[in-house]
Amino acid sequence: MIHIATIGAKALYLLFLWLISAAAASWITDRKGYGERVGLTLGLLLSAAGLLIVLVLPVRPGSKVRVNGWIPKRRRPSV
């Protein structure tokens, strides 16, 4: 019996890859000084290839990467 609404496991993994690459590209471009929209657009339109393009973009002067480094430090919540 074939169910029309059944999604295969491979399709679900590709959906997760698409969404995670878009989120990661958005975060990286925001840190590099281009804004979130550029990365989100590249990640959604080009999927994993968009993430690779974002990784080779140059870092802008005064961006969060130049100020805080590649990985941001965690802040302790002020109580």
Protein backbone atom coordinates (compact mmCIF):
# COMPACT_ATOMS: atom_id res chain seq x y z
CA MET A 1 0.00 0.00 0.00
CA ILE A 2 1.38 3.41 -1.00
CA HIS A 3 0.67 6.44 1.17
CA ILE A 4 0.73 9.73 -0.72
CA ALA A 5 1.58 11.78 2.40
CA THR A 6 4.60 9.67 3.36
CA ILE A 7 7.95 11.47 3.16
CA GLY A 8 11.03 9.36 2.74
CA ALA A 9 13.91 9.52 5.18
CA LYS A 10 16.23 10.90 2.50
CA ALA A 11 13.85 13.78 1.78
CA LEU A 12 13.65 14.59 5.48
CA TYR A 13 17.47 14.63 5.78
CA LEU A 14 17.70 16.92 2.76
CA LEU A 15 15.14 19.25 4.33
CA PHE A 16 17.19 19.40 7.54
CA LEU A 17 20.37 20.05 5.52
CA TRP A 18 18.62 22.88 3.68
CA LEU A 19 17.34 24.56 6.86
CA ILE A 20 20.57 24.14 8.85
CA SER A 21 22.69 25.50 6.00
CA ALA A 22 20.42 28.54 5.71
CA ALA A 23 20.61 29.23 9.46
CA ALA A 24 24.39 28.74 9.57
CA ALA A 25 24.95 30.96 6.52
CA SER A 26 22.78 33.66 8.10
CA TRP A 27 24.77 33.53 11.36
CA ILE A 28 28.14 33.57 9.60
CA THR A 29 27.31 36.53 7.33
CA ASP A 30 25.98 38.47 10.31
CA ARG A 31 29.27 37.88 12.12
CA LYS A 32 31.28 38.81 9.01
CA GLY A 33 29.49 42.16 8.72
CA TYR A 34 27.16 41.56 5.76
CA GLY A 35 23.91 41.20 7.68
CA GLU A 36 21.67 38.20 8.14
CA ARG A 37 19.67 38.59 4.92
CA VAL A 38 22.61 37.89 2.62
CA GLY A 39 23.38 34.57 4.29
CA LEU A 40 19.76 33.59 4.59
CA THR A 41 19.20 34.26 0.90
CA LEU A 42 22.28 32.31 -0.16
CA GLY A 43 21.48 29.47 2.22
CA LEU A 44 17.88 29.13 1.09
CA LEU A 45 18.52 29.48 -2.63
CA LEU A 46 21.75 27.49 -2.93
CA SER A 47 21.50 25.17 0.11
CA ALA A 48 24.88 23.70 1.09
CA ALA A 49 26.65 25.46 -1.81
CA GLY A 50 25.43 28.78 -0.39
CA LEU A 51 27.06 27.93 2.93
CA LEU A 52 30.36 27.27 1.16
CA ILE A 53 30.11 30.60 -0.68
CA VAL A 54 29.49 32.39 2.63
CA LEU A 55 32.59 30.79 4.12
CA VAL A 56 34.85 32.29 1.43
CA LEU A 57 33.41 35.82 1.69
CA PRO A 58 35.98 38.26 3.08
CA VAL A 59 35.51 39.68 6.57
CA ARG A 60 34.50 43.34 6.64
CA PRO A 61 36.40 45.82 8.84
CA GLY A 62 34.68 46.46 12.16
CA SER A 63 32.63 43.25 12.00
CA LYS A 64 31.93 41.00 14.96
CA VAL A 65 34.56 38.54 13.74
CA ARG A 66 37.27 41.20 13.79
CA VAL A 67 36.21 42.53 17.19
CA ASN A 68 35.35 39.34 19.12
CA GLY A 69 37.00 36.57 17.08
CA TRP A 70 35.46 33.73 15.10
CA ILE A 71 33.61 32.12 18.00
CA PRO A 72 31.79 34.55 20.32
CA LYS A 73 32.40 34.31 24.05
CA ARG A 74 29.45 33.35 26.16
CA ARG A 75 28.25 35.99 28.57
CA ARG A 76 27.09 35.18 32.02
CA PRO A 77 23.58 36.41 32.77
CA SER A 78 23.65 39.44 35.03
CA VAL A 79 21.46 38.94 38.06
